[in-house]
Amino acid sequence: MAAAIDLHQHLWPAPLVELLRRRTRAPYLRGWTLHTAGEAPYDVRVEDHDVDRRIALDLEAGIGLACPSLSAPLGLESLPREEADAALAAWHEGAATLPAHFAPWASVPVVDPDPAGLAELLAGPFVGVQLPATQVATPGGWDVVGDVLAVAASAGKPVFVHPGPTAVDGAPSWWAPVVGYVAQLQAAWWGWHAAAGRAQHPSLRLVFAAGAGLAPLQHERLAARGGDAGTVDRDVFVETSSYGAQGVDALIRVLGIDVVALGSDRPYAEPLPALFGEAATRAIRVDNPRRALGAGQVDQKLGEAA
């Protein structure tokens, strides 16, 4: 089978680590302990951000191209503009120098994002642009980022919707990924539909992390409450991170298989090795991620990584 494409990974390059260690307020690193504004301190495993080790793990799992993104739950995009600029510059500097095995996502500040600067990033090694789900959790939020969406569409590159910061307020460690992140993604999914996003951006491709929090499974409830989800949009994808056969099967039953694509959230979870037979496995691990990113872009990057 052809090499798989993992749309969702995290890998901290040295410039980002150095910036987090220089910071004096959240988010920041002390040693390898991460401190954020809303979640409990987290002990980062150094080996998780070893580039050579990551490539070896990916190749062992049959992944030929991995798409790391800035960890949006850190909240770096929503810092005051000067701080956000410094943080995102550190991310882009480090991500741009990763080996060809990686195709990173760009990020933009929440306050006054720079369309021209984003266009320059997307003309380079960045595979698309990530937005925190918290930024687009309402129809109005999607309207505010219209210029960002237009730049991505013009470049022929997708937008990746990833969970943003959340407050756990004394809850157990699993609370943020199971409750907070899922709720954000569901809100972002419905925000896109309520904003009539497709009508405004007819050529844009979207990828929602973690199955959009399984929001598509609520389409029956939408219909019962007077809404209309319309037909399945072949350019709005959901990736599989943190879900297995049960969750992926449920998504396929609602959306069909053509918009379900591999994402792992590595190093926090593992990529799915196989699902529902060879044809379905190839669709989810190879063909659908390739279409989400753009076939020409994927073929070029896989050629560079070979």
C-alpha atoms as a PDB file:
ATOM      1  CA  MET A   1       0.000   0.000   0.000  1.00  0.00           C
ATOM      2  CA  ALA A   2       1.160   3.555  -0.694  1.00  0.00           C
ATOM      3  CA  ALA A   3       2.634   5.614   2.126  1.00  0.00           C
ATOM      4  CA  ALA A   4       0.050   7.012   4.516  1.00  0.00           C
ATOM      5  CA  ILE A   5      -0.409  10.716   5.311  1.00  0.00           C
ATOM      6  CA  ASP A   6      -0.991  11.764   8.918  1.00  0.00           C
ATOM      7  CA  LEU A   7      -2.782  15.127   8.968  1.00  0.00           C
ATOM      8  CA  HIS A   8      -2.385  15.758  12.704  1.00  0.00           C
ATOM      9  CA  GLN A   9       0.794  15.539  14.730  1.00  0.00           C
ATOM     10  CA  HIS A  10       2.658  17.751  17.197  1.00  0.00           C
ATOM     11  CA  LEU A  11       6.405  18.251  17.287  1.00  0.00           C
ATOM     12  CA  TRP A  12       8.146  21.108  19.068  1.00  0.00           C
ATOM     13  CA  PRO A  13      11.202  22.411  17.201  1.00  0.00           C
ATOM     14  CA  ALA A  14      14.065  23.980  19.161  1.00  0.00           C
ATOM     15  CA  PRO A  15      13.114  27.656  18.561  1.00  0.00           C
ATOM     16  CA  LEU A  16       9.643  27.056  20.038  1.00  0.00           C
ATOM     17  CA  VAL A  17      11.044  25.232  23.066  1.00  0.00           C
ATOM     18  CA  GLU A  18      13.512  28.063  23.659  1.00  0.00           C
ATOM     19  CA  LEU A  19      10.763  30.679  23.444  1.00  0.00           C
ATOM     20  CA  LEU A  20       8.561  28.790  25.918  1.00  0.00           C
ATOM     21  CA  ARG A  21      11.496  28.617  28.339  1.00  0.00           C
ATOM     22  CA  ARG A  22      12.083  32.368  28.074  1.00  0.00           C
ATOM     23  CA  ARG A  23       8.494  33.218  28.886  1.00  0.00           C
ATOM     24  CA  THR A  24       7.644  34.326  32.424  1.00  0.00           C
ATOM     25  CA  ARG A  25       3.880  33.773  32.300  1.00  0.00           C
ATOM     26  CA  ALA A  26       1.677  31.058  30.853  1.00  0.00           C
ATOM     27  CA  PRO A  27       2.254  29.338  28.594  1.00  0.00           C
ATOM     28  CA  TYR A  28       5.849  28.543  29.545  1.00  0.00           C
ATOM     29  CA  LEU A  29       8.250  25.655  30.133  1.00  0.00           C
ATOM     30  CA  ARG A  30      10.343  25.068  33.255  1.00  0.00           C
ATOM     31  CA  GLY A  31      12.680  22.276  32.369  1.00  0.00           C
ATOM     32  CA  TRP A  32      10.277  19.996  30.547  1.00  0.00           C
ATOM     33  CA  THR A  33       7.204  20.844  32.629  1.00  0.00           C
ATOM     34  CA  LEU A  34       4.611  22.796  30.668  1.00  0.00           C
ATOM     35  CA  HIS A  35       2.515  25.417  32.434  1.00  0.00           C
ATOM     36  CA  THR A  36      -0.625  26.770  30.730  1.00  0.00           C
ATOM     37  CA  ALA A  37      -3.332  29.173  31.829  1.00  0.00           C
ATOM     38  CA  GLY A  38      -6.150  26.620  32.005  1.00  0.00           C
ATOM     39  CA  GLU A  39      -4.777  23.102  32.458  1.00  0.00           C
ATOM     40  CA  ALA A  40      -2.680  21.427  35.144  1.00  0.00           C
ATOM     41  CA  PRO A  41       1.133  21.363  34.679  1.00  0.00           C
ATOM     42  CA  TYR A  42       2.134  18.680  32.205  1.00  0.00           C
ATOM     43  CA  ASP A  43       5.449  16.810  32.134  1.00  0.00           C
ATOM     44  CA  VAL A  44       6.523  16.707  28.502  1.00  0.00           C
ATOM     45  CA  ARG A  45       8.422  13.605  27.414  1.00  0.00           C
ATOM     46  CA  VAL A  46      11.649  14.797  25.793  1.00  0.00           C
ATOM     47  CA  GLU A  47      11.778  11.827  23.434  1.00  0.00           C
ATOM     48  CA  ASP A  48       8.375  12.764  21.995  1.00  0.00           C
ATOM     49  CA  HIS A  49       9.981  15.749  20.300  1.00  0.00           C
ATOM     50  CA  ASP A  50      13.064  13.974  18.972  1.00  0.00           C
ATOM     51  CA  VAL A  51      12.858  14.406  15.193  1.00  0.00           C
ATOM     52  CA  ASP A  52      14.781  11.272  14.227  1.00  0.00           C
ATOM     53  CA  ARG A  53      12.790   9.114  16.641  1.00  0.00           C
ATOM     54  CA  ARG A  54       9.524  10.515  15.316  1.00  0.00           C
ATOM     55  CA  ILE A  55      10.448   9.769  11.718  1.00  0.00           C
ATOM     56  CA  ALA A  56      11.424   6.222  12.661  1.00  0.00           C
ATOM     57  CA  LEU A  57       8.094   5.684  14.443  1.00  0.00           C
ATOM     58  CA  ASP A  58       6.172   7.078  11.485  1.00  0.00           C
ATOM     59  CA  LEU A  59       7.976   4.923   8.955  1.00  0.00           C
ATOM     60  CA  GLU A  60       7.326   1.884  11.129  1.00  0.00           C
ATOM     61  CA  ALA A  61       3.616   2.776  11.006  1.00  0.00           C
ATOM     62  CA  GLY A  62       3.699   3.205   7.221  1.00  0.00           C
ATOM     63  CA  ILE A  63       3.436   7.014   7.346  1.00  0.00           C
ATOM     64  CA  GLY A  64       5.369   8.760   4.607  1.00  0.00           C
ATOM     65  CA  LEU A  65       4.231  12.320   5.341  1.00  0.00           C
ATOM     66  CA  ALA A  66       3.291  13.862   8.708  1.00  0.00           C
ATOM     67  CA  CYS A  67       1.686  17.264   9.254  1.00  0.00           C
ATOM     68  CA  PRO A  68       2.697  18.789  12.608  1.00  0.00           C
ATOM     69  CA  SER A  69       0.884  21.841  13.919  1.00  0.00           C
ATOM     70  CA  LEU A  70       1.439  24.322  16.704  1.00  0.00           C
ATOM     71  CA  SER A  71      -0.226  23.086  19.893  1.00  0.00           C
ATOM     72  CA  ALA A  72      -3.226  25.430  19.839  1.00  0.00           C
ATOM     73  CA  PRO A  73      -4.326  24.594  23.432  1.00  0.00           C
ATOM     74  CA  LEU A  74      -1.225  26.502  24.566  1.00  0.00           C
ATOM     75  CA  GLY A  75      -3.023  29.689  23.562  1.00  0.00           C
ATOM     76  CA  LEU A  76      -0.044  31.280  21.807  1.00  0.00           C
ATOM     77  CA  GLU A  77      -2.217  32.584  18.960  1.00  0.00           C
ATOM     78  CA  SER A  78      -4.405  34.571  21.373  1.00  0.00           C
ATOM     79  CA  LEU A  79      -1.606  36.275  23.309  1.00  0.00           C
ATOM     80  CA  PRO A  80      -1.214  40.073  23.015  1.00  0.00           C
ATOM     81  CA  ARG A  81      -0.076  40.752  19.474  1.00  0.00           C
ATOM     82  CA  GLU A  82       3.621  41.355  20.180  1.00  0.00           C
ATOM     83  CA  GLU A  83       3.875  38.151  22.224  1.00  0.00           C
ATOM     84  CA  ALA A  84       1.864  36.179  19.688  1.00  0.00           C
ATOM     85  CA  ASP A  85       4.103  37.388  16.866  1.00  0.00           C
ATOM     86  CA  ALA A  86       7.225  36.231  18.718  1.00  0.00           C
ATOM     87  CA  ALA A  87       5.710  32.838  19.530  1.00  0.00           C
ATOM     88  CA  LEU A  88       4.432  32.180  16.029  1.00  0.00           C
ATOM     89  CA  ALA A  89       7.725  33.324  14.516  1.00  0.00           C
ATOM     90  CA  ALA A  90       9.507  30.745  16.686  1.00  0.00           C
ATOM     91  CA  TRP A  91       7.096  28.047  15.517  1.00  0.00           C
ATOM     92  CA  HIS A  92       7.399  28.963  11.837  1.00  0.00           C
ATOM     93  CA  GLU A  93      11.185  29.267  12.023  1.00  0.00           C
ATOM     94  CA  GLY A  94      11.572  25.821  13.539  1.00  0.00           C
ATOM     95  CA  ALA A  95       8.845  24.091  11.539  1.00  0.00           C
ATOM     96  CA  ALA A  96      10.217  25.376   8.233  1.00  0.00           C
ATOM     97  CA  THR A  97      13.528  23.613   8.853  1.00  0.00           C
ATOM     98  CA  LEU A  98      12.080  20.196   9.736  1.00  0.00           C
ATOM     99  CA  PRO A  99      13.087  17.335   7.409  1.00  0.00           C
ATOM    100  CA  ALA A 100      11.031  16.733   4.266  1.00  0.00           C
ATOM    101  CA  HIS A 101       9.116  13.944   6.052  1.00  0.00           C
ATOM    102  CA  PHE A 102       7.113  16.744   7.702  1.00  0.00           C
ATOM    103  CA  ALA A 103       4.637  19.148   6.100  1.00  0.00           C
ATOM    104  CA  PRO A 104       3.763  21.655   8.859  1.00  0.00           C
ATOM    105  CA  TRP A 105       0.675  23.793   9.345  1.00  0.00           C
ATOM    106  CA  ALA A 106       1.072  27.566   9.657  1.00  0.00           C
ATOM    107  CA  SER A 107      -0.641  29.588  12.393  1.00  0.00           C
ATOM    108  CA  VAL A 108      -1.864  33.177  12.645  1.00  0.00           C
ATOM    109  CA  PRO A 109      -2.496  35.489  15.612  1.00  0.00           C
ATOM    110  CA  VAL A 110      -6.076  35.962  16.726  1.00  0.00           C
ATOM    111  CA  VAL A 111      -5.616  39.754  16.869  1.00  0.00           C
ATOM    112  CA  ASP A 112      -5.267  41.337  13.419  1.00  0.00           C
ATOM    113  CA  PRO A 113      -3.918  38.373  11.454  1.00  0.00           C
ATOM    114  CA  ASP A 114      -1.731  39.425   8.547  1.00  0.00           C
ATOM    115  CA  PRO A 115      -3.124  38.076   5.243  1.00  0.00           C
ATOM    116  CA  ALA A 116       0.013  39.012   3.295  1.00  0.00           C
ATOM    117  CA  GLY A 117       2.242  37.293   5.851  1.00  0.00           C
ATOM    118  CA  LEU A 118       0.069  34.181   5.729  1.00  0.00           C
ATOM    119  CA  ALA A 119       0.191  34.132   1.925  1.00  0.00           C
ATOM    120  CA  GLU A 120       3.988  34.196   2.129  1.00  0.00           C
ATOM    121  CA  LEU A 121       4.006  31.253   4.550  1.00  0.00           C
ATOM    122  CA  LEU A 122       1.632  29.257   2.366  1.00  0.00           C
ATOM    123  CA  ALA A 123       3.854  29.889  -0.644  1.00  0.00           C
ATOM    124  CA  GLY A 124       6.626  28.105   1.266  1.00  0.00           C
ATOM    125  CA  PRO A 125       6.767  24.764   3.086  1.00  0.00           C
ATOM    126  CA  PHE A 126       3.503  25.126   5.028  1.00  0.00           C
ATOM    127  CA  VAL A 127       0.744  22.769   3.994  1.00  0.00           C
ATOM    128  CA  GLY A 128      -2.132  24.969   5.172  1.00  0.00           C
ATOM    129  CA  VAL A 129      -3.177  27.086   8.139  1.00  0.00           C
ATOM    130  CA  GLN A 130      -4.438  25.973  11.547  1.00  0.00           C
ATOM    131  CA  LEU A 131      -7.166  27.836  13.430  1.00  0.00           C
ATOM    132  CA  PRO A 132      -8.087  27.171  17.074  1.00  0.00           C
ATOM    133  CA  ALA A 133     -11.656  25.921  17.352  1.00  0.00           C
ATOM    134  CA  THR A 134     -12.239  28.540  20.052  1.00  0.00           C
ATOM    135  CA  GLN A 135     -11.705  31.222  17.405  1.00  0.00           C
ATOM    136  CA  VAL A 136     -14.438  29.862  15.119  1.00  0.00           C
ATOM    137  CA  ALA A 137     -16.884  28.497  17.685  1.00  0.00           C
ATOM    138  CA  THR A 138     -19.706  30.770  16.459  1.00  0.00           C
ATOM    139  CA  PRO A 139     -20.963  31.854  13.034  1.00  0.00           C
ATOM    140  CA  GLY A 140     -19.553  35.300  13.750  1.00  0.00           C
ATOM    141  CA  GLY A 141     -16.163  33.792  14.503  1.00  0.00           C
ATOM    142  CA  TRP A 142     -16.024  32.312  11.011  1.00  0.00           C
ATOM    143  CA  ASP A 143     -16.953  35.701   9.575  1.00  0.00           C
ATOM    144  CA  VAL A 144     -14.091  37.381  11.460  1.00  0.00           C
ATOM    145  CA  VAL A 145     -11.495  35.052   9.922  1.00  0.00           C
ATOM    146  CA  GLY A 146     -12.860  35.509   6.418  1.00  0.00           C
ATOM    147  CA  ASP A 147      -9.629  37.079   5.154  1.00  0.00           C
ATOM    148  CA  VAL A 148      -7.602  34.138   6.492  1.00  0.00           C
ATOM    149  CA  LEU A 149      -9.939  31.672   4.799  1.00  0.00           C
ATOM    150  CA  ALA A 150      -9.716  33.611   1.536  1.00  0.00           C
ATOM    151  CA  VAL A 151      -5.902  33.514   1.587  1.00  0.00           C
ATOM    152  CA  ALA A 152      -5.922  29.742   2.148  1.00  0.00           C
ATOM    153  CA  ALA A 153      -8.449  29.209  -0.638  1.00  0.00           C
ATOM    154  CA  SER A 154      -6.451  31.407  -3.018  1.00  0.00           C
ATOM    155  CA  ALA A 155      -3.309  29.389  -2.250  1.00  0.00           C
ATOM    156  CA  GLY A 156      -5.200  26.143  -2.810  1.00  0.00           C
ATOM    157  CA  LYS A 157      -4.355  25.016   0.715  1.00  0.00           C
ATOM    158  CA  PRO A 158      -6.661  23.786   3.500  1.00  0.00           C
ATOM    159  CA  VAL A 159      -7.622  25.145   6.905  1.00  0.00           C
ATOM    160  CA  PHE A 160      -7.150  22.830   9.893  1.00  0.00           C
ATOM    161  CA  VAL A 161      -9.521  23.374  12.855  1.00  0.00           C
ATOM    162  CA  HIS A 162      -7.832  22.207  16.057  1.00  0.00           C
ATOM    163  CA  PRO A 163      -8.940  22.484  19.704  1.00  0.00           C
ATOM    164  CA  GLY A 164      -7.815  25.644  21.447  1.00  0.00           C
ATOM    165  CA  PRO A 165      -7.271  26.549  25.102  1.00  0.00           C
ATOM    166  CA  THR A 166      -9.685  25.326  27.737  1.00  0.00           C
ATOM    167  CA  ALA A 167      -9.933  25.576  31.534  1.00  0.00           C
ATOM    168  CA  VAL A 168     -10.213  22.335  33.493  1.00  0.00           C
ATOM    169  CA  ASP A 169     -10.953  23.974  36.860  1.00  0.00           C
ATOM    170  CA  GLY A 170      -9.743  21.125  39.055  1.00  0.00           C
ATOM    171  CA  ALA A 171     -11.099  18.346  36.826  1.00  0.00           C
ATOM    172  CA  PRO A 172      -9.097  15.174  36.062  1.00  0.00           C
ATOM    173  CA  SER A 173      -6.428  15.187  33.338  1.00  0.00           C
ATOM    174  CA  TRP A 174      -8.725  13.594  30.767  1.00  0.00           C
ATOM    175  CA  TRP A 175     -11.337  16.337  31.098  1.00  0.00           C
ATOM    176  CA  ALA A 176      -9.871  18.784  28.577  1.00  0.00           C
ATOM    177  CA  PRO A 177      -9.480  16.322  25.666  1.00  0.00           C
ATOM    178  CA  VAL A 178     -12.724  14.446  26.361  1.00  0.00           C
ATOM    179  CA  VAL A 179     -15.005  17.356  27.283  1.00  0.00           C
ATOM    180  CA  GLY A 180     -13.485  20.746  26.498  1.00  0.00           C
ATOM    181  CA  TYR A 181     -11.863  19.954  23.167  1.00  0.00           C
ATOM    182  CA  VAL A 182     -14.845  17.967  21.916  1.00  0.00           C
ATOM    183  CA  ALA A 183     -17.264  20.780  22.761  1.00  0.00           C
ATOM    184  CA  GLN A 184     -15.059  23.312  20.951  1.00  0.00           C
ATOM    185  CA  LEU A 185     -14.895  21.198  17.809  1.00  0.00           C
ATOM    186  CA  GLN A 186     -18.639  20.613  17.785  1.00  0.00           C
ATOM    187  CA  ALA A 187     -19.244  24.349  18.099  1.00  0.00           C
ATOM    188  CA  ALA A 188     -16.795  25.084  15.272  1.00  0.00           C
ATOM    189  CA  TRP A 189     -18.476  22.504  13.008  1.00  0.00           C
ATOM    190  CA  TRP A 190     -21.907  23.994  13.588  1.00  0.00           C
ATOM    191  CA  GLY A 191     -20.518  27.531  13.364  1.00  0.00           C
ATOM    192  CA  TRP A 192     -19.247  26.783   9.855  1.00  0.00           C
ATOM    193  CA  HIS A 193     -22.642  25.453   8.808  1.00  0.00           C
ATOM    194  CA  ALA A 194     -24.604  28.289  10.438  1.00  0.00           C
ATOM    195  CA  ALA A 195     -22.330  30.885   8.823  1.00  0.00           C
ATOM    196  CA  ALA A 196     -23.022  29.387   5.371  1.00  0.00           C
ATOM    197  CA  GLY A 197     -19.277  29.018   5.054  1.00  0.00           C
ATOM    198  CA  ARG A 198     -19.397  27.110   1.785  1.00  0.00           C
ATOM    199  CA  ALA A 199     -21.383  29.833   0.059  1.00  0.00           C
ATOM    200  CA  GLN A 200     -18.782  32.404   1.115  1.00  0.00           C
ATOM    201  CA  HIS A 201     -15.729  30.253   0.334  1.00  0.00           C
ATOM    202  CA  PRO A 202     -16.711  27.908  -2.486  1.00  0.00           C
ATOM    203  CA  SER A 203     -13.245  26.433  -3.099  1.00  0.00           C
ATOM    204  CA  LEU A 204     -11.943  26.165   0.470  1.00  0.00           C
ATOM    205  CA  ARG A 205     -10.958  22.793   1.915  1.00  0.00           C
ATOM    206  CA  LEU A 206     -11.397  22.262   5.662  1.00  0.00           C
ATOM    207  CA  VAL A 207     -10.066  19.579   7.998  1.00  0.00           C
ATOM    208  CA  PHE A 208     -11.645  19.233  11.450  1.00  0.00           C
ATOM    209  CA  ALA A 209      -9.526  17.525  14.097  1.00  0.00           C
ATOM    210  CA  ALA A 210     -10.782  14.524  16.065  1.00  0.00           C
ATOM    211  CA  GLY A 211     -13.820  13.822  13.927  1.00  0.00           C
ATOM    212  CA  ALA A 212     -15.116  17.360  14.609  1.00  0.00           C
ATOM    213  CA  GLY A 213     -15.889  16.096  18.106  1.00  0.00           C
ATOM    214  CA  LEU A 214     -18.363  13.697  16.441  1.00  0.00           C
ATOM    215  CA  ALA A 215     -20.572  16.683  15.606  1.00  0.00           C
ATOM    216  CA  PRO A 216     -21.783  15.016  12.378  1.00  0.00           C
ATOM    217  CA  LEU A 217     -23.544  12.423  14.534  1.00  0.00           C
ATOM    218  CA  GLN A 218     -25.868  15.205  15.712  1.00  0.00           C
ATOM    219  CA  HIS A 219     -27.334  15.806  12.239  1.00  0.00           C
ATOM    220  CA  GLU A 220     -30.469  13.831  13.146  1.00  0.00           C
ATOM    221  CA  ARG A 221     -30.996  16.120  16.113  1.00  0.00           C
ATOM    222  CA  LEU A 222     -30.423  19.129  13.876  1.00  0.00           C
ATOM    223  CA  ALA A 223     -33.160  17.926  11.551  1.00  0.00           C
ATOM    224  CA  ALA A 224     -35.490  17.278  14.491  1.00  0.00           C
ATOM    225  CA  ARG A 225     -34.990  20.861  15.621  1.00  0.00           C
ATOM    226  CA  GLY A 226     -35.702  22.415  12.244  1.00  0.00           C
ATOM    227  CA  GLY A 227     -32.191  22.672  10.823  1.00  0.00           C
ATOM    228  CA  ASP A 228     -30.875  21.368   7.526  1.00  0.00           C
ATOM    229  CA  ALA A 229     -27.322  20.037   7.214  1.00  0.00           C
ATOM    230  CA  GLY A 230     -27.625  19.807   3.449  1.00  0.00           C
ATOM    231  CA  THR A 231     -25.634  17.323   1.409  1.00  0.00           C
ATOM    232  CA  VAL A 232     -22.230  15.990   2.449  1.00  0.00           C
ATOM    233  CA  ASP A 233     -19.521  18.483   1.500  1.00  0.00           C
ATOM    234  CA  ARG A 234     -16.655  16.593  -0.150  1.00  0.00           C
ATOM    235  CA  ASP A 235     -14.220  19.372   0.753  1.00  0.00           C
ATOM    236  CA  VAL A 236     -14.921  19.322   4.500  1.00  0.00           C
ATOM    237  CA  PHE A 237     -12.904  16.520   6.077  1.00  0.00           C
ATOM    238  CA  VAL A 238     -12.783  15.033   9.569  1.00  0.00           C
ATOM    239  CA  GLU A 239      -9.627  13.320  10.786  1.00  0.00           C
ATOM    240  CA  THR A 240      -9.516  10.318  13.060  1.00  0.00           C
ATOM    241  CA  SER A 241      -7.324  11.328  16.013  1.00  0.00           C
ATOM    242  CA  SER A 242      -8.292   9.733  19.354  1.00  0.00           C
ATOM    243  CA  TYR A 243     -11.011   7.610  17.765  1.00  0.00           C
ATOM    244  CA  GLY A 244     -11.007   3.935  16.824  1.00  0.00           C
ATOM    245  CA  ALA A 245     -13.229   1.624  14.834  1.00  0.00           C
ATOM    246  CA  GLN A 246     -16.441   2.538  16.674  1.00  0.00           C
ATOM    247  CA  GLY A 247     -16.119   6.310  16.281  1.00  0.00           C
ATOM    248  CA  VAL A 248     -14.806   6.127  12.715  1.00  0.00           C
ATOM    249  CA  ASP A 249     -17.578   3.741  11.696  1.00  0.00           C
ATOM    250  CA  ALA A 250     -20.177   6.157  13.095  1.00  0.00           C
ATOM    251  CA  LEU A 251     -18.662   9.052  11.129  1.00  0.00           C
ATOM    252  CA  ILE A 252     -18.634   7.013   7.931  1.00  0.00           C
ATOM    253  CA  ARG A 253     -22.302   6.101   8.399  1.00  0.00           C
ATOM    254  CA  VAL A 254     -23.189   9.820   8.442  1.00  0.00           C
ATOM    255  CA  LEU A 255     -20.647  11.340   6.062  1.00  0.00           C
ATOM    256  CA  GLY A 256     -19.529   8.449   3.875  1.00  0.00           C
ATOM    257  CA  ILE A 257     -15.914   7.362   3.716  1.00  0.00           C
ATOM    258  CA  ASP A 258     -14.597   9.973   1.270  1.00  0.00           C
ATOM    259  CA  VAL A 259     -14.183  12.755   3.858  1.00  0.00           C
ATOM    260  CA  VAL A 260     -12.710  10.687   6.715  1.00  0.00           C
ATOM    261  CA  ALA A 261      -8.919  11.027   6.804  1.00  0.00           C
ATOM    262  CA  LEU A 262      -6.058   9.823   8.955  1.00  0.00           C
ATOM    263  CA  GLY A 263      -4.921  12.010  11.833  1.00  0.00           C
ATOM    264  CA  SER A 264      -3.212  10.671  14.946  1.00  0.00           C
ATOM    265  CA  ASP A 265      -2.416  13.563  17.319  1.00  0.00           C
ATOM    266  CA  ARG A 266       0.970  11.884  17.791  1.00  0.00           C
ATOM    267  CA  PRO A 267       2.708  11.866  20.318  1.00  0.00           C
ATOM    268  CA  TYR A 268      -0.516  11.767  22.352  1.00  0.00           C
ATOM    269  CA  ALA A 269      -2.077   8.913  20.376  1.00  0.00           C
ATOM    270  CA  GLU A 270      -1.136   6.416  17.699  1.00  0.00           C
ATOM    271  CA  PRO A 271      -2.190   6.395  14.025  1.00  0.00           C
ATOM    272  CA  LEU A 272      -4.845   3.870  13.082  1.00  0.00           C
ATOM    273  CA  PRO A 273      -3.123   0.974  11.276  1.00  0.00           C
ATOM    274  CA  ALA A 274      -6.103  -0.521   9.440  1.00  0.00           C
ATOM    275  CA  LEU A 275      -9.880  -0.212   9.285  1.00  0.00           C
ATOM    276  CA  PHE A 276     -12.687  -2.162   7.630  1.00  0.00           C
ATOM    277  CA  GLY A 277     -10.584  -3.875   4.985  1.00  0.00           C
ATOM    278  CA  GLU A 278      -7.915  -2.872   2.516  1.00  0.00           C
ATOM    279  CA  ALA A 279     -10.008  -0.472   0.409  1.00  0.00           C
ATOM    280  CA  ALA A 280     -11.292   1.479   3.406  1.00  0.00           C
ATOM    281  CA  THR A 281      -7.837   1.560   4.966  1.00  0.00           C
ATOM    282  CA  ARG A 282      -6.333   2.992   1.805  1.00  0.00           C
ATOM    283  CA  ALA A 283      -9.106   5.600   1.528  1.00  0.00           C
ATOM    284  CA  ILE A 284      -8.627   6.822   5.104  1.00  0.00           C
ATOM    285  CA  ARG A 285      -4.823   6.605   5.296  1.00  0.00           C
ATOM    286  CA  VAL A 286      -3.830   7.580   1.749  1.00  0.00           C
ATOM    287  CA  ASP A 287      -6.444   8.834  -0.688  1.00  0.00           C
ATOM    288  CA  ASN A 288      -8.544  11.096   1.527  1.00  0.00           C
ATOM    289  CA  PRO A 289      -5.610  12.901   3.229  1.00  0.00           C
ATOM    290  CA  ARG A 290      -4.068  13.379  -0.215  1.00  0.00           C
ATOM    291  CA  ARG A 291      -7.236  15.055  -1.463  1.00  0.00           C
ATOM    292  CA  ALA A 292      -7.589  17.127   1.711  1.00  0.00           C
ATOM    293  CA  LEU A 293      -4.123  18.601   1.296  1.00  0.00           C
ATOM    294  CA  GLY A 294      -4.220  18.794  -2.498  1.00  0.00           C
ATOM    295  CA  ALA A 295      -2.831  16.023  -4.653  1.00  0.00           C
ATOM    296  CA  GLY A 296      -0.155  18.147  -6.295  1.00  0.00           C
ATOM    297  CA  GLN A 297       1.190  19.397  -2.989  1.00  0.00           C
ATOM    298  CA  VAL A 298       1.258  15.896  -1.496  1.00  0.00           C
ATOM    299  CA  ASP A 299       3.023  14.364  -4.473  1.00  0.00           C
ATOM    300  CA  GLN A 300       5.682  17.076  -4.363  1.00  0.00           C
ATOM    301  CA  LYS A 301       6.291  16.635  -0.649  1.00  0.00           C
ATOM    302  CA  LEU A 302       6.363  12.849  -0.827  1.00  0.00           C
ATOM    303  CA  GLY A 303       8.905  13.177  -3.626  1.00  0.00           C
ATOM    304  CA  GLU A 304      11.052  15.444  -1.436  1.00  0.00           C
ATOM    305  CA  ALA A 305      10.789  13.002   1.465  1.00  0.00           C
ATOM    306  CA  ALA A 306      11.723   9.951  -0.610  1.00  0.00           C
END
